[in-house]
Amino acid sequence: MNIDLVMLVTEALDQAKKQGLRQKDVAELSQIGEVGLSRLKKADDARFSTLQALGESVGLKLIWVPDSSLAELVAKGDLFD
């Protein structure tokens, strides 16, 4: 199971819980469906659009951030050494 994917799904479900939403509600709001959400929780891979819909259903959005170790190499000028 993909650790990053698990973290994203867990974060979305934690956010839903804070809002008083059940997994059934999240599945409906995201239009993933209960079976789809269940599969997503066990998946090794997921479509970006599925993760985006899941996040948006609970007020989250996906963003890209620099990998700190890569950013450090760039800052030092050591990226291609």
PDB file of N, CA and C in Angstrom:
ATOM      1  N   MET A   1       0.837  -1.181   0.000  1.00  0.00           N
ATOM      2  CA  MET A   1       0.000   0.000   0.000  1.00  0.00           C
ATOM      3  C   MET A   1       0.883   1.246   0.000  1.00  0.00           C
ATOM      4  N   ASN A   2       0.533   2.226  -0.800  1.00  0.00           N
ATOM      5  CA  ASN A   2       1.286   3.465  -0.945  1.00  0.00           C
ATOM      6  C   ASN A   2       1.083   4.347   0.285  1.00  0.00           C
ATOM      7  N   ILE A   3       2.165   4.600   1.011  1.00  0.00           N
ATOM      8  CA  ILE A   3       2.110   5.384   2.261  1.00  0.00           C
ATOM      9  C   ILE A   3       1.574   6.784   2.026  1.00  0.00           C
ATOM     10  N   ASP A   4       2.001   7.461   0.947  1.00  0.00           N
ATOM     11  CA  ASP A   4       1.530   8.816   0.672  1.00  0.00           C
ATOM     12  C   ASP A   4       0.032   8.828   0.388  1.00  0.00           C
ATOM     13  N   LEU A   5      -0.438   7.853  -0.338  1.00  0.00           N
ATOM     14  CA  LEU A   5      -1.865   7.751  -0.644  1.00  0.00           C
ATOM     15  C   LEU A   5      -2.663   7.518   0.631  1.00  0.00           C
ATOM     16  N   VAL A   6      -2.177   6.639   1.478  1.00  0.00           N
ATOM     17  CA  VAL A   6      -2.837   6.373   2.753  1.00  0.00           C
ATOM     18  C   VAL A   6      -2.926   7.651   3.580  1.00  0.00           C
ATOM     19  N   MET A   7      -1.848   8.424   3.603  1.00  0.00           N
ATOM     20  CA  MET A   7      -1.835   9.667   4.373  1.00  0.00           C
ATOM     21  C   MET A   7      -2.862  10.658   3.829  1.00  0.00           C
ATOM     22  N   LEU A   8      -2.983  10.768   2.508  1.00  0.00           N
ATOM     23  CA  LEU A   8      -3.953  11.679   1.914  1.00  0.00           C
ATOM     24  C   LEU A   8      -5.386  11.274   2.244  1.00  0.00           C
ATOM     25  N   VAL A   9      -5.682  10.009   2.087  1.00  0.00           N
ATOM     26  CA  VAL A   9      -7.032   9.523   2.363  1.00  0.00           C
ATOM     27  C   VAL A   9      -7.345   9.678   3.853  1.00  0.00           C
ATOM     28  N   THR A  10      -6.385   9.329   4.700  1.00  0.00           N
ATOM     29  CA  THR A  10      -6.585   9.461   6.148  1.00  0.00           C
ATOM     30  C   THR A  10      -6.824  10.911   6.538  1.00  0.00           C
ATOM     31  N   GLU A  11      -6.055  11.816   5.971  1.00  0.00           N
ATOM     32  CA  GLU A  11      -6.222  13.246   6.267  1.00  0.00           C
ATOM     33  C   GLU A  11      -7.614  13.726   5.854  1.00  0.00           C
ATOM     34  N   ALA A  12      -8.063  13.319   4.688  1.00  0.00           N
ATOM     35  CA  ALA A  12      -9.398  13.715   4.227  1.00  0.00           C
ATOM     36  C   ALA A  12     -10.482  13.165   5.155  1.00  0.00           C
ATOM     37  N   LEU A  13     -10.342  11.917   5.562  1.00  0.00           N
ATOM     38  CA  LEU A  13     -11.347  11.317   6.442  1.00  0.00           C
ATOM     39  C   LEU A  13     -11.296  11.919   7.847  1.00  0.00           C
ATOM     40  N   ASP A  14     -10.108  12.274   8.309  1.00  0.00           N
ATOM     41  CA  ASP A  14      -9.987  12.962   9.600  1.00  0.00           C
ATOM     42  C   ASP A  14     -10.668  14.324   9.540  1.00  0.00           C
ATOM     43  N   GLN A  15     -10.465  15.027   8.434  1.00  0.00           N
ATOM     44  CA  GLN A  15     -11.095  16.334   8.245  1.00  0.00           C
ATOM     45  C   GLN A  15     -12.616  16.182   8.211  1.00  0.00           C
ATOM     46  N   ALA A  16     -13.083  15.149   7.554  1.00  0.00           N
ATOM     47  CA  ALA A  16     -14.525  14.889   7.493  1.00  0.00           C
ATOM     48  C   ALA A  16     -15.089  14.646   8.892  1.00  0.00           C
ATOM     49  N   LYS A  17     -14.367  13.862   9.674  1.00  0.00           N
ATOM     50  CA  LYS A  17     -14.802  13.549  11.031  1.00  0.00           C
ATOM     51  C   LYS A  17     -14.917  14.824  11.873  1.00  0.00           C
ATOM     52  N   LYS A  18     -13.949  15.734  11.701  1.00  0.00           N
ATOM     53  CA  LYS A  18     -13.975  17.005  12.430  1.00  0.00           C
ATOM     54  C   LYS A  18     -15.212  17.831  12.070  1.00  0.00           C
ATOM     55  N   GLN A  19     -15.702  17.628  10.859  1.00  0.00           N
ATOM     56  CA  GLN A  19     -16.870  18.361  10.385  1.00  0.00           C
ATOM     57  C   GLN A  19     -18.172  17.624  10.678  1.00  0.00           C
ATOM     58  N   GLY A  20     -18.052  16.490  11.333  1.00  0.00           N
ATOM     59  CA  GLY A  20     -19.237  15.711  11.664  1.00  0.00           C
ATOM     60  C   GLY A  20     -19.778  14.896  10.503  1.00  0.00           C
ATOM     61  N   LEU A  21     -18.944  14.679   9.506  1.00  0.00           N
ATOM     62  CA  LEU A  21     -19.358  13.899   8.343  1.00  0.00           C
ATOM     63  C   LEU A  21     -18.969  12.438   8.512  1.00  0.00           C
ATOM     64  N   ARG A  22     -19.850  11.571   8.060  1.00  0.00           N
ATOM     65  CA  ARG A  22     -19.549  10.137   8.049  1.00  0.00           C
ATOM     66  C   ARG A  22     -18.897   9.784   6.714  1.00  0.00           C
ATOM     67  N   GLN A  23     -18.275   8.629   6.646  1.00  0.00           N
ATOM     68  CA  GLN A  23     -17.661   8.194   5.394  1.00  0.00           C
ATOM     69  C   GLN A  23     -18.696   8.115   4.277  1.00  0.00           C
ATOM     70  N   LYS A  24     -19.903   7.735   4.643  1.00  0.00           N
ATOM     71  CA  LYS A  24     -20.990   7.679   3.661  1.00  0.00           C
ATOM     72  C   LYS A  24     -21.250   9.072   3.082  1.00  0.00           C
ATOM     73  N   ASP A  25     -21.224  10.090   3.937  1.00  0.00           N
ATOM     74  CA  ASP A  25     -21.418  11.471   3.483  1.00  0.00           C
ATOM     75  C   ASP A  25     -20.297  11.898   2.546  1.00  0.00           C
ATOM     76  N   VAL A  26     -19.071  11.569   2.914  1.00  0.00           N
ATOM     77  CA  VAL A  26     -17.902  11.929   2.097  1.00  0.00           C
ATOM     78  C   VAL A  26     -17.994  11.242   0.736  1.00  0.00           C
ATOM     79  N   ALA A  27     -18.363   9.983   0.744  1.00  0.00           N
ATOM     80  CA  ALA A  27     -18.498   9.235  -0.509  1.00  0.00           C
ATOM     81  C   ALA A  27     -19.527   9.893  -1.419  1.00  0.00           C
ATOM     82  N   GLU A  28     -20.623  10.357  -0.835  1.00  0.00           N
ATOM     83  CA  GLU A  28     -21.676  11.009  -1.609  1.00  0.00           C
ATOM     84  C   GLU A  28     -21.233  12.390  -2.100  1.00  0.00           C
ATOM     85  N   LEU A  29     -20.648  13.186  -1.206  1.00  0.00           N
ATOM     86  CA  LEU A  29     -20.204  14.533  -1.567  1.00  0.00           C
ATOM     87  C   LEU A  29     -19.120  14.519  -2.644  1.00  0.00           C
ATOM     88  N   SER A  30     -18.236  13.564  -2.565  1.00  0.00           N
ATOM     89  CA  SER A  30     -17.129  13.477  -3.526  1.00  0.00           C
ATOM     90  C   SER A  30     -17.530  12.769  -4.809  1.00  0.00           C
ATOM     91  N   GLN A  31     -18.705  12.168  -4.815  1.00  0.00           N
ATOM     92  CA  GLN A  31     -19.217  11.387  -5.948  1.00  0.00           C
ATOM     93  C   GLN A  31     -18.322  10.194  -6.276  1.00  0.00           C
ATOM     94  N   ILE A  32     -17.633   9.708  -5.250  1.00  0.00           N
ATOM     95  CA  ILE A  32     -16.803   8.517  -5.413  1.00  0.00           C
ATOM     96  C   ILE A  32     -17.648   7.270  -5.173  1.00  0.00           C
ATOM     97  N   GLY A  33     -18.599   7.376  -4.288  1.00  0.00           N
ATOM     98  CA  GLY A  33     -19.430   6.243  -3.913  1.00  0.00           C
ATOM     99  C   GLY A  33     -18.794   5.487  -2.760  1.00  0.00           C
ATOM    100  N   GLU A  34     -19.616   4.781  -2.016  1.00  0.00           N
ATOM    101  CA  GLU A  34     -19.121   4.050  -0.845  1.00  0.00           C
ATOM    102  C   GLU A  34     -18.138   2.952  -1.229  1.00  0.00           C
ATOM    103  N   VAL A  35     -18.427   2.232  -2.298  1.00  0.00           N
ATOM    104  CA  VAL A  35     -17.527   1.165  -2.754  1.00  0.00           C
ATOM    105  C   VAL A  35     -16.204   1.777  -3.227  1.00  0.00           C
ATOM    106  N   GLY A  36     -16.299   2.877  -3.964  1.00  0.00           N
ATOM    107  CA  GLY A  36     -15.099   3.556  -4.450  1.00  0.00           C
ATOM    108  C   GLY A  36     -14.230   4.056  -3.315  1.00  0.00           C
ATOM    109  N   LEU A  37     -14.855   4.619  -2.284  1.00  0.00           N
ATOM    110  CA  LEU A  37     -14.098   5.103  -1.130  1.00  0.00           C
ATOM    111  C   LEU A  37     -13.446   3.941  -0.396  1.00  0.00           C
ATOM    112  N   SER A  38     -14.161   2.860  -0.262  1.00  0.00           N
ATOM    113  CA  SER A  38     -13.605   1.674   0.390  1.00  0.00           C
ATOM    114  C   SER A  38     -12.398   1.145  -0.379  1.00  0.00           C
ATOM    115  N   ARG A  39     -12.509   1.108  -1.695  1.00  0.00           N
ATOM    116  CA  ARG A  39     -11.390   0.652  -2.529  1.00  0.00           C
ATOM    117  C   ARG A  39     -10.212   1.617  -2.438  1.00  0.00           C
ATOM    118  N   LEU A  40     -10.511   2.912  -2.402  1.00  0.00           N
ATOM    119  CA  LEU A  40      -9.465   3.921  -2.319  1.00  0.00           C
ATOM    120  C   LEU A  40      -8.665   3.766  -1.033  1.00  0.00           C
ATOM    121  N   LYS A  41      -9.321   3.404   0.035  1.00  0.00           N
ATOM    122  CA  LYS A  41      -8.643   3.226   1.326  1.00  0.00           C
ATOM    123  C   LYS A  41      -7.662   2.063   1.299  1.00  0.00           C
ATOM    124  N   LYS A  42      -7.845   1.134   0.358  1.00  0.00           N
ATOM    125  CA  LYS A  42      -6.980  -0.047   0.270  1.00  0.00           C
ATOM    126  C   LYS A  42      -6.067  -0.013  -0.955  1.00  0.00           C
ATOM    127  N   ALA A  43      -6.163   1.046  -1.748  1.00  0.00           N
ATOM    128  CA  ALA A  43      -5.492   1.088  -3.052  1.00  0.00           C
ATOM    129  C   ALA A  43      -3.998   1.375  -2.948  1.00  0.00           C
ATOM    130  N   ASP A  44      -3.280   0.945  -3.966  1.00  0.00           N
ATOM    131  CA  ASP A  44      -1.864   1.268  -4.124  1.00  0.00           C
ATOM    132  C   ASP A  44      -1.692   2.475  -5.030  1.00  0.00           C
ATOM    133  N   ASP A  45      -2.762   2.839  -5.730  1.00  0.00           N
ATOM    134  CA  ASP A  45      -2.687   3.914  -6.709  1.00  0.00           C
ATOM    135  C   ASP A  45      -4.079   4.537  -6.818  1.00  0.00           C
ATOM    136  N   ALA A  46      -4.118   5.803  -7.211  1.00  0.00           N
ATOM    137  CA  ALA A  46      -5.404   6.476  -7.394  1.00  0.00           C
ATOM    138  C   ALA A  46      -5.269   7.564  -8.434  1.00  0.00           C
ATOM    139  N   ARG A  47      -6.353   7.872  -9.076  1.00  0.00           N
ATOM    140  CA  ARG A  47      -6.369   8.972 -10.032  1.00  0.00           C
ATOM    141  C   ARG A  47      -6.310  10.297  -9.280  1.00  0.00           C
ATOM    142  N   PHE A  48      -5.652  11.257  -9.899  1.00  0.00           N
ATOM    143  CA  PHE A  48      -5.579  12.592  -9.317  1.00  0.00           C
ATOM    144  C   PHE A  48      -6.988  13.142  -9.114  1.00  0.00           C
ATOM    145  N   SER A  49      -7.844  12.963 -10.097  1.00  0.00           N
ATOM    146  CA  SER A  49      -9.205  13.507 -10.022  1.00  0.00           C
ATOM    147  C   SER A  49      -9.988  12.907  -8.854  1.00  0.00           C
ATOM    148  N   THR A  50      -9.733  11.655  -8.535  1.00  0.00           N
ATOM    149  CA  THR A  50     -10.405  11.019  -7.404  1.00  0.00           C
ATOM    150  C   THR A  50      -9.934  11.631  -6.090  1.00  0.00           C
ATOM    151  N   LEU A  51      -8.624  11.799  -5.951  1.00  0.00           N
ATOM    152  CA  LEU A  51      -8.085  12.421  -4.735  1.00  0.00           C
ATOM    153  C   LEU A  51      -8.531  13.869  -4.616  1.00  0.00           C
ATOM    154  N   GLN A  52      -8.589  14.551  -5.740  1.00  0.00           N
ATOM    155  CA  GLN A  52      -9.036  15.944  -5.746  1.00  0.00           C
ATOM    156  C   GLN A  52     -10.492  16.026  -5.286  1.00  0.00           C
ATOM    157  N   ALA A  53     -11.340  15.170  -5.806  1.00  0.00           N
ATOM    158  CA  ALA A  53     -12.750  15.159  -5.422  1.00  0.00           C
ATOM    159  C   ALA A  53     -12.909  14.826  -3.942  1.00  0.00           C
ATOM    160  N   LEU A  54     -12.129  13.875  -3.461  1.00  0.00           N
ATOM    161  CA  LEU A  54     -12.185  13.507  -2.047  1.00  0.00           C
ATOM    162  C   LEU A  54     -11.810  14.703  -1.181  1.00  0.00           C
ATOM    163  N   GLY A  55     -10.710  15.346  -1.507  1.00  0.00           N
ATOM    164  CA  GLY A  55     -10.269  16.503  -0.737  1.00  0.00           C
ATOM    165  C   GLY A  55     -11.266  17.638  -0.774  1.00  0.00           C
ATOM    166  N   GLU A  56     -11.748  17.964  -1.956  1.00  0.00           N
ATOM    167  CA  GLU A  56     -12.692  19.067  -2.089  1.00  0.00           C
ATOM    168  C   GLU A  56     -13.978  18.817  -1.315  1.00  0.00           C
ATOM    169  N   SER A  57     -14.368  17.575  -1.181  1.00  0.00           N
ATOM    170  CA  SER A  57     -15.607  17.263  -0.462  1.00  0.00           C
ATOM    171  C   SER A  57     -15.522  17.624   1.023  1.00  0.00           C
ATOM    172  N   VAL A  58     -14.293  17.760   1.527  1.00  0.00           N
ATOM    173  CA  VAL A  58     -14.112  18.114   2.949  1.00  0.00           C
ATOM    174  C   VAL A  58     -13.349  19.425   3.113  1.00  0.00           C
ATOM    175  N   GLY A  59     -13.218  20.187   2.025  1.00  0.00           N
ATOM    176  CA  GLY A  59     -12.580  21.496   2.104  1.00  0.00           C
ATOM    177  C   GLY A  59     -11.067  21.487   2.022  1.00  0.00           C
ATOM    178  N   LEU A  60     -10.492  20.464   1.411  1.00  0.00           N
ATOM    179  CA  LEU A  60      -9.042  20.382   1.230  1.00  0.00           C
ATOM    180  C   LEU A  60      -8.728  20.444  -0.264  1.00  0.00           C
ATOM    181  N   LYS A  61      -7.501  20.841  -0.589  1.00  0.00           N
ATOM    182  CA  LYS A  61      -7.081  20.787  -1.988  1.00  0.00           C
ATOM    183  C   LYS A  61      -5.655  20.254  -2.062  1.00  0.00           C
ATOM    184  N   LEU A  62      -5.374  19.604  -3.155  1.00  0.00           N
ATOM    185  CA  LEU A  62      -4.035  19.062  -3.394  1.00  0.00           C
ATOM    186  C   LEU A  62      -3.144  20.158  -3.938  1.00  0.00           C
ATOM    187  N   ILE A  63      -1.937  20.243  -3.406  1.00  0.00           N
ATOM    188  CA  ILE A  63      -0.960  21.195  -3.920  1.00  0.00           C
ATOM    189  C   ILE A  63       0.394  20.509  -3.998  1.00  0.00           C
ATOM    190  N   TRP A  64       1.250  21.025  -4.839  1.00  0.00           N
ATOM    191  CA  TRP A  64       2.617  20.517  -4.956  1.00  0.00           C
ATOM    192  C   TRP A  64       3.516  21.405  -4.127  1.00  0.00           C
ATOM    193  N   VAL A  65       4.389  20.792  -3.365  1.00  0.00           N
ATOM    194  CA  VAL A  65       5.385  21.540  -2.591  1.00  0.00           C
ATOM    195  C   VAL A  65       6.749  20.939  -2.892  1.00  0.00           C
ATOM    196  N   PRO A  66       7.778  21.755  -2.802  1.00  0.00           N
ATOM    197  CA  PRO A  66       9.114  21.240  -3.084  1.00  0.00           C
ATOM    198  C   PRO A  66       9.519  20.158  -2.076  1.00  0.00           C
ATOM    199  N   ASP A  67      10.213  19.181  -2.576  1.00  0.00           N
ATOM    200  CA  ASP A  67      10.821  18.171  -1.724  1.00  0.00           C
ATOM    201  C   ASP A  67      11.964  18.861  -0.998  1.00  0.00           C
ATOM    202  N   SER A  68      11.931  18.908   0.310  1.00  0.00           N
ATOM    203  CA  SER A  68      12.916  19.700   1.058  1.00  0.00           C
ATOM    204  C   SER A  68      14.355  19.250   0.781  1.00  0.00           C
ATOM    205  N   SER A  69      14.581  17.959   0.632  1.00  0.00           N
ATOM    206  CA  SER A  69      15.947  17.506   0.361  1.00  0.00           C
ATOM    207  C   SER A  69      16.396  17.963  -1.024  1.00  0.00           C
ATOM    208  N   LEU A  70      15.495  17.934  -1.992  1.00  0.00           N
ATOM    209  CA  LEU A  70      15.813  18.408  -3.330  1.00  0.00           C
ATOM    210  C   LEU A  70      16.030  19.920  -3.314  1.00  0.00           C
ATOM    211  N   ALA A  71      15.196  20.643  -2.584  1.00  0.00           N
ATOM    212  CA  ALA A  71      15.338  22.098  -2.486  1.00  0.00           C
ATOM    213  C   ALA A  71      16.679  22.469  -1.856  1.00  0.00           C
ATOM    214  N   GLU A  72      17.120  21.700  -0.880  1.00  0.00           N
ATOM    215  CA  GLU A  72      18.414  21.959  -0.245  1.00  0.00           C
ATOM    216  C   GLU A  72      19.562  21.795  -1.238  1.00  0.00           C
ATOM    217  N   LEU A  73      19.493  20.749  -2.060  1.00  0.00           N
ATOM    218  CA  LEU A  73      20.526  20.530  -3.086  1.00  0.00           C
ATOM    219  C   LEU A  73      20.559  21.689  -4.085  1.00  0.00           C
ATOM    220  N   VAL A  74      19.400  22.153  -4.487  1.00  0.00           N
ATOM    221  CA  VAL A  74      19.327  23.262  -5.429  1.00  0.00           C
ATOM    222  C   VAL A  74      19.930  24.513  -4.793  1.00  0.00           C
ATOM    223  N   ALA A  75      19.545  24.775  -3.543  1.00  0.00           N
ATOM    224  CA  ALA A  75      20.047  25.972  -2.842  1.00  0.00           C
ATOM    225  C   ALA A  75      21.563  25.940  -2.694  1.00  0.00           C
ATOM    226  N   LYS A  76      22.117  24.765  -2.468  1.00  0.00           N
ATOM    227  CA  LYS A  76      23.561  24.628  -2.313  1.00  0.00           C
ATOM    228  C   LYS A  76      24.299  24.617  -3.650  1.00  0.00           C
ATOM    229  N   GLY A  77      23.553  24.442  -4.742  1.00  0.00           N
ATOM    230  CA  GLY A  77      24.181  24.329  -6.048  1.00  0.00           C
ATOM    231  C   GLY A  77      24.745  22.940  -6.303  1.00  0.00           C
ATOM    232  N   ASP A  78      24.300  21.948  -5.539  1.00  0.00           N
ATOM    233  CA  ASP A  78      24.824  20.594  -5.627  1.00  0.00           C
ATOM    234  C   ASP A  78      23.888  19.630  -6.352  1.00  0.00           C
ATOM    235  N   LEU A  79      22.897  20.132  -7.031  1.00  0.00           N
ATOM    236  CA  LEU A  79      21.894  19.268  -7.645  1.00  0.00           C
ATOM    237  C   LEU A  79      22.505  18.276  -8.624  1.00  0.00           C
ATOM    238  N   PHE A  80      23.468  18.707  -9.418  1.00  0.00           N
ATOM    239  CA  PHE A  80      24.013  17.833 -10.463  1.00  0.00           C
ATOM    240  C   PHE A  80      25.391  17.278 -10.114  1.00  0.00           C
ATOM    241  N   ASP A  81      25.772  17.328  -8.862  1.00  0.00           N
ATOM    242  CA  ASP A  81      27.072  16.769  -8.459  1.00  0.00           C
ATOM    243  C   ASP A  81      26.960  15.289  -8.170  1.00  0.00           C
TER     244      ASP A  81
END
